[in-house]
Amino acid sequence: MKTNPKVSVIVPVYNSEKQLVKCIESILAQTFTDFECILVDDCSPDKCPEICNEFALKDNRVKVIQNENNAGIAFTRKIGLDASAGDYVLYVDSDDYIEKNMLEKMYETAIAEGLDFLACDYFYEKEGNVKIFYNKFSSFSEKVSVIKDIIAIRIIAGLWNKLVKRDLYLKAVYPKYNFSEDYVINIQNIYNSNKIGFIAIPLYHYVYNENSLSANKDIQLRRLTEENQNWRIIIAFLREKYGKNLEMFEPELSRRINGIKNKYMKNKKLKFRRELFKLYPESRFWRNYFLVLIKKMIKFVLKIK
């Protein structure tokens, strides 16, 4: 009788036919072989469903799930999680790919050190240029420090460069809003982890895809609105776990929240502005906003003189 795989690699798939083959091939070429690869197609309008089914016919480690309706990235990841059986989970985006020894390096490290949550560095690829991005942990042992690093983007918030115990993902509440959903899930996972670790080696290839970061104005508006909603969930979670006073997450938390509010101020088409400014009032946005305006006015006056 076959035992459950050690790792479940879950790939949410949508409209990525040009990159999908490379993504799946990089997973199936892993030096570590005790894994399952779950491809969850979110009603892709291109040839992604056919590509997924072709790989499933070639390799019995591949399992394909077809969403009945377009569910969005957060729910699609959850659908893949519910169908998984591994001890650990790695999410891979369908337009990215991974180093052939990623699973081996990360799984062996997680087991050797008894880790629930393990992150690695990554490659960033855009228009043929490749850079290495290094995560900057302040401390592995202090959960508050790790959460602050996530908030400040000293650690990338994406789920894709992290090997995490499946049990942690099962505890996490997946938000219905898609933008910044990775912050919501990662912060829950960090809080629920017993031990966190890091590999200072780039093992994941994040490939910039202009289609996934559309310049469409409607998408931009939705992004800001959903960021607002997901950060409400984060603030509520942190208050529940750490108390109403969140000074231990300062100044990173205020800076991040004010950055979201500032983007709202620049986009006059956005609605519900009053609701936005109820989000973490401790950030003192208006004070900082007017201080910046005053500084700009002073610079302008000095310049014309």
Protein backbone atom coordinates (compact mmCIF):
# COMPACT_ATOMS: atom_id res chain seq x y z
CA MET A 1 0.00 0.00 0.00
CA LYS A 2 1.43 3.34 -1.07
CA THR A 3 2.12 5.81 1.74
CA ASN A 4 1.31 9.48 1.46
CA PRO A 5 3.92 11.65 -0.27
CA LYS A 6 6.30 13.69 1.86
CA VAL A 7 5.57 16.91 -0.07
CA SER A 8 2.58 18.24 -1.98
CA VAL A 9 3.50 20.73 -4.70
CA ILE A 10 0.39 22.76 -5.53
CA VAL A 11 0.21 24.84 -8.71
CA PRO A 12 -2.74 27.24 -9.19
CA VAL A 13 -3.07 27.52 -12.97
CA TYR A 14 -4.60 30.36 -14.93
CA ASN A 15 -3.91 31.73 -18.41
CA SER A 16 -0.22 30.77 -18.45
CA GLU A 17 0.09 28.37 -21.40
CA LYS A 18 3.41 29.91 -22.53
CA GLN A 19 5.11 29.30 -19.17
CA LEU A 20 3.23 26.27 -17.82
CA VAL A 21 5.25 23.51 -19.51
CA LYS A 22 8.53 24.86 -18.10
CA CYS A 23 6.93 25.17 -14.67
CA ILE A 24 5.67 21.59 -14.55
CA GLU A 25 8.85 20.13 -16.05
CA SER A 26 10.93 21.83 -13.36
CA ILE A 27 8.78 20.17 -10.70
CA LEU A 28 8.89 16.70 -12.24
CA ALA A 29 12.69 16.94 -12.68
CA GLN A 30 13.31 17.26 -8.93
CA THR A 31 16.13 15.26 -7.37
CA PHE A 32 13.71 14.59 -4.48
CA THR A 33 11.02 12.30 -5.84
CA ASP A 34 8.61 11.60 -2.97
CA PHE A 35 6.06 14.26 -3.87
CA GLU A 36 2.74 14.79 -5.60
CA CYS A 37 2.08 17.62 -8.03
CA ILE A 38 -1.44 19.03 -7.90
CA LEU A 39 -2.42 21.27 -10.82
CA VAL A 40 -5.57 23.28 -10.14
CA ASP A 41 -6.88 24.94 -13.29
CA ASP A 42 -9.02 27.97 -12.51
CA CYS A 43 -11.06 27.94 -15.74
CA SER A 44 -8.17 29.07 -17.93
CA PRO A 45 -9.33 30.48 -21.29
CA ASP A 46 -6.18 29.20 -23.07
CA LYS A 47 -4.64 25.73 -23.51
CA CYS A 48 -3.68 25.26 -19.86
CA PRO A 49 -6.30 22.53 -19.21
CA GLU A 50 -4.99 20.44 -22.11
CA ILE A 51 -1.37 20.89 -20.97
CA CYS A 52 -2.25 19.81 -17.43
CA ASN A 53 -4.04 16.68 -18.64
CA GLU A 54 -1.14 15.73 -20.91
CA PHE A 55 1.28 15.76 -17.97
CA ALA A 56 -1.13 13.74 -15.83
CA LEU A 57 -1.13 11.01 -18.49
CA LYS A 58 2.68 10.91 -18.52
CA ASP A 59 3.40 10.94 -14.78
CA ASN A 60 1.27 9.39 -12.03
CA ARG A 61 2.53 11.96 -9.51
CA VAL A 62 0.50 14.60 -11.33
CA LYS A 63 -3.10 15.20 -10.28
CA VAL A 64 -5.35 17.65 -12.14
CA ILE A 65 -8.31 19.51 -10.67
CA GLN A 66 -10.59 21.65 -12.84
CA ASN A 67 -12.50 24.39 -11.05
CA GLU A 68 -16.15 24.59 -12.10
CA ASN A 69 -16.06 28.38 -11.85
CA ASN A 70 -13.26 30.93 -11.74
CA ALA A 71 -12.43 31.07 -8.03
CA GLY A 72 -9.39 33.39 -7.91
CA ILE A 73 -5.91 32.64 -6.63
CA ALA A 74 -6.70 32.35 -2.90
CA PHE A 75 -9.56 29.83 -3.22
CA THR A 76 -7.74 27.93 -5.98
CA ARG A 77 -4.81 27.41 -3.62
CA LYS A 78 -7.22 26.22 -0.94
CA ILE A 79 -8.84 23.76 -3.36
CA GLY A 80 -5.40 22.29 -4.08
CA LEU A 81 -4.62 22.12 -0.35
CA ASP A 82 -7.84 20.24 0.42
CA ALA A 83 -6.90 17.62 -2.19
CA SER A 84 -3.30 17.26 -0.97
CA ALA A 85 -1.83 14.51 1.22
CA GLY A 86 1.80 15.54 1.85
CA ASP A 87 3.36 16.32 5.21
CA TYR A 88 4.64 19.60 3.76
CA VAL A 89 3.22 21.92 1.10
CA LEU A 90 5.01 24.03 -1.50
CA TYR A 91 3.01 26.41 -3.69
CA VAL A 92 4.45 27.16 -7.14
CA ASP A 93 2.91 29.80 -9.43
CA SER A 94 2.24 28.52 -12.94
CA ASP A 95 4.38 31.14 -14.69
CA ASP A 96 7.43 30.42 -12.48
CA TYR A 97 9.78 27.46 -12.11
CA ILE A 98 12.09 25.94 -9.51
CA GLU A 99 15.66 24.69 -9.21
CA LYS A 100 15.95 20.91 -9.61
CA ASN A 101 17.17 20.48 -6.01
CA MET A 102 14.66 22.81 -4.35
CA LEU A 103 12.54 20.07 -2.76
CA GLU A 104 15.58 18.08 -1.68
CA LYS A 105 17.28 21.06 -0.03
CA MET A 106 14.16 22.35 1.67
CA TYR A 107 12.69 19.04 2.83
CA GLU A 108 15.98 17.72 4.22
CA THR A 109 16.58 21.00 6.07
CA ALA A 110 13.04 21.05 7.47
CA ILE A 111 13.35 17.47 8.76
CA ALA A 112 16.89 17.87 10.12
CA GLU A 113 16.00 21.04 12.04
CA GLY A 114 12.41 20.16 12.95
CA LEU A 115 10.96 23.13 11.10
CA ASP A 116 7.31 23.93 10.46
CA PHE A 117 8.02 26.89 8.18
CA LEU A 118 11.05 27.23 5.90
CA ALA A 119 11.84 30.01 3.40
CA CYS A 120 14.57 30.36 0.77
CA ASP A 121 16.00 33.13 -1.40
CA TYR A 122 14.86 33.46 -5.01
CA PHE A 123 15.73 34.59 -8.53
CA TYR A 124 13.78 37.47 -10.06
CA GLU A 125 13.58 37.33 -13.86
CA LYS A 126 12.34 40.18 -16.05
CA GLU A 127 12.87 40.56 -19.79
CA GLY A 128 15.93 38.32 -19.80
CA ASN A 129 17.56 39.93 -16.77
CA VAL A 130 18.06 37.84 -13.65
CA LYS A 131 18.64 39.16 -10.14
CA ILE A 132 18.91 37.33 -6.84
CA PHE A 133 16.73 38.59 -4.01
CA TYR A 134 17.92 37.81 -0.53
CA ASN A 135 15.49 37.61 2.38
CA LYS A 136 16.58 39.57 5.43
CA PHE A 137 15.41 37.89 8.62
CA SER A 138 15.88 39.93 11.79
CA SER A 139 15.43 36.79 13.88
CA PHE A 140 14.27 33.21 13.16
CA SER A 141 13.25 32.54 16.75
CA GLU A 142 11.02 35.57 17.44
CA LYS A 143 7.64 35.35 15.70
CA VAL A 144 6.99 39.06 16.13
CA SER A 145 10.28 39.83 14.36
CA VAL A 146 9.42 37.50 11.46
CA ILE A 147 5.95 39.04 11.08
CA LYS A 148 7.51 42.53 11.08
CA ASP A 149 9.95 41.38 8.40
CA ILE A 150 7.03 40.14 6.28
CA ILE A 151 5.13 43.41 6.75
CA ALA A 152 8.20 45.44 5.79
CA ILE A 153 8.97 43.12 2.82
CA ARG A 154 12.38 42.28 4.22
CA ILE A 155 11.04 38.77 3.66
CA ILE A 156 9.03 38.32 0.48
CA ALA A 157 5.40 37.64 1.35
CA GLY A 158 4.75 35.21 -1.51
CA LEU A 159 3.77 31.67 -0.56
CA TRP A 160 5.90 30.26 -3.38
CA ASN A 161 9.36 30.18 -1.77
CA LYS A 162 8.22 28.56 1.45
CA LEU A 163 7.92 24.93 2.49
CA VAL A 164 5.28 24.75 5.22
CA LYS A 165 3.73 21.97 7.28
CA ARG A 166 0.38 21.08 5.74
CA ASP A 167 -1.21 21.20 9.19
CA LEU A 168 -0.44 24.93 9.39
CA TYR A 169 -2.15 25.64 6.08
CA LEU A 170 -5.17 23.64 7.23
CA LYS A 171 -5.44 25.91 10.31
CA ALA A 172 -5.18 29.10 8.25
CA VAL A 173 -8.26 31.00 7.10
CA TYR A 174 -7.97 31.72 3.38
CA PRO A 175 -9.40 35.14 2.48
CA LYS A 176 -11.87 35.61 -0.38
CA TYR A 177 -9.95 38.65 -1.62
CA ASN A 178 -7.02 37.88 -3.92
CA PHE A 179 -4.60 40.79 -3.61
CA SER A 180 -2.31 40.60 -0.55
CA GLU A 181 -3.85 37.24 0.33
CA ASP A 182 -0.34 35.86 0.84
CA TYR A 183 0.22 38.26 3.75
CA VAL A 184 -2.96 37.00 5.41
CA ILE A 185 -1.93 33.35 5.11
CA ASN A 186 1.78 33.78 5.89
CA ILE A 187 1.16 35.77 9.07
CA GLN A 188 -1.19 33.05 10.33
CA ASN A 189 1.37 30.37 9.48
CA ILE A 190 4.16 32.22 11.26
CA TYR A 191 2.03 32.68 14.38
CA ASN A 192 1.09 28.97 14.43
CA SER A 193 4.63 27.70 13.76
CA ASN A 194 6.69 26.06 16.47
CA LYS A 195 9.97 26.57 14.64
CA ILE A 196 10.89 28.74 11.64
CA GLY A 197 13.95 28.44 9.41
CA PHE A 198 15.65 29.89 6.36
CA ILE A 199 17.97 28.69 3.60
CA ALA A 200 20.26 31.43 2.24
CA ILE A 201 20.22 29.92 -1.25
CA PRO A 202 18.06 31.01 -4.22
CA LEU A 203 15.97 28.00 -5.23
CA TYR A 204 12.85 29.55 -6.77
CA HIS A 205 12.57 31.47 -10.06
CA TYR A 206 9.99 34.25 -9.93
CA VAL A 207 9.30 35.31 -13.52
CA TYR A 208 7.82 38.76 -14.03
CA ASN A 209 4.70 38.49 -16.16
CA GLU A 210 3.17 41.77 -17.28
CA ASN A 211 -0.12 40.01 -17.99
CA SER A 212 -0.44 39.02 -14.34
CA LEU A 213 0.23 42.60 -13.25
CA SER A 214 -2.19 44.23 -15.64
CA ALA A 215 -2.14 47.97 -16.12
CA ASN A 216 -5.88 47.87 -16.65
CA LYS A 217 -7.40 50.62 -14.49
CA ASP A 218 -10.24 48.40 -13.30
CA ILE A 219 -7.69 45.84 -12.05
CA GLN A 220 -5.74 48.56 -10.25
CA LEU A 221 -8.88 49.76 -8.52
CA ARG A 222 -9.80 46.24 -7.47
CA ARG A 223 -6.27 45.62 -6.22
CA LEU A 224 -6.37 48.60 -3.86
CA THR A 225 -9.84 47.72 -2.62
CA GLU A 226 -8.88 44.10 -1.93
CA GLU A 227 -5.61 45.10 -0.27
CA ASN A 228 -7.64 47.24 2.09
CA GLN A 229 -9.96 44.34 2.93
CA ASN A 230 -7.15 41.84 3.47
CA TRP A 231 -5.18 44.17 5.72
CA ARG A 232 -8.33 44.56 7.81
CA ILE A 233 -8.22 40.79 8.30
CA ILE A 234 -4.53 40.98 9.24
CA ILE A 235 -5.06 43.78 11.77
CA ALA A 236 -7.99 41.89 13.33
CA PHE A 237 -5.89 38.72 13.58
CA LEU A 238 -2.95 40.52 15.19
CA ARG A 239 -5.25 42.25 17.71
CA GLU A 240 -6.85 38.90 18.57
CA LYS A 241 -3.48 37.21 19.16
CA TYR A 242 -1.40 40.07 20.61
CA GLY A 243 -3.97 42.44 22.11
CA LYS A 244 -5.42 45.75 21.00
CA ASN A 245 -2.10 47.59 21.34
CA LEU A 246 0.14 46.57 18.42
CA GLU A 247 3.15 48.72 19.27
CA MET A 248 5.42 45.67 19.03
CA PHE A 249 4.88 45.75 15.24
CA GLU A 250 5.90 49.38 14.87
CA PRO A 251 7.09 51.26 12.89
CA GLU A 252 6.73 48.65 10.11
CA LEU A 253 2.96 48.27 10.47
CA SER A 254 2.16 51.98 10.30
CA ARG A 255 4.46 52.48 7.33
CA ARG A 256 2.78 49.65 5.44
CA ILE A 257 -0.77 50.78 6.23
CA ASN A 258 0.04 54.40 5.35
CA GLY A 259 1.47 53.22 2.04
CA ILE A 260 -1.90 51.65 1.21
CA LYS A 261 -3.79 54.76 2.32
CA ASN A 262 -1.49 56.97 0.29
CA LYS A 263 -2.26 54.96 -2.87
CA TYR A 264 -5.95 55.52 -2.15
CA MET A 265 -5.40 59.26 -1.90
CA LYS A 266 -3.77 59.31 -5.34
CA ASN A 267 -6.64 57.44 -7.01
CA LYS A 268 -9.73 59.63 -7.12
CA LYS A 269 -11.92 56.92 -8.63
CA LEU A 270 -11.83 54.81 -5.51
CA LYS A 271 -14.91 54.71 -3.32
CA PHE A 272 -15.38 54.14 0.39
CA ARG A 273 -12.47 56.42 1.41
CA ARG A 274 -13.91 56.97 4.90
CA GLU A 275 -13.98 53.23 5.43
CA LEU A 276 -10.35 52.99 4.38
CA PHE A 277 -9.19 55.43 7.03
CA LYS A 278 -10.80 53.35 9.74
CA LEU A 279 -8.08 50.80 8.98
CA TYR A 280 -5.55 50.96 11.81
CA PRO A 281 -6.04 54.61 12.87
CA GLU A 282 -2.91 54.33 15.02
CA SER A 283 -0.90 54.82 11.84
CA ARG A 284 -1.64 58.59 12.10
CA PHE A 285 -1.90 58.87 8.35
CA TRP A 286 -3.29 62.39 8.17
CA ARG A 287 -0.52 63.80 10.36
CA ASN A 288 2.15 62.21 8.20
CA TYR A 289 0.32 63.09 4.97
CA PHE A 290 0.15 66.80 5.77
CA LEU A 291 3.75 66.85 7.01
CA VAL A 292 4.83 65.54 3.62
CA LEU A 293 2.73 68.18 1.85
CA ILE A 294 4.24 70.94 3.96
CA LYS A 295 7.76 69.71 3.21
CA LYS A 296 6.98 69.68 -0.51
CA MET A 297 5.60 73.24 -0.33
CA ILE A 298 8.71 74.44 1.50
CA LYS A 299 10.97 72.87 -1.13
CA PHE A 300 8.91 74.45 -3.90
CA VAL A 301 9.06 77.92 -2.31
CA LEU A 302 12.81 77.64 -1.77
CA LYS A 303 13.28 76.50 -5.36
CA ILE A 304 11.44 79.45 -6.96
CA LYS A 305 13.42 81.86 -4.80
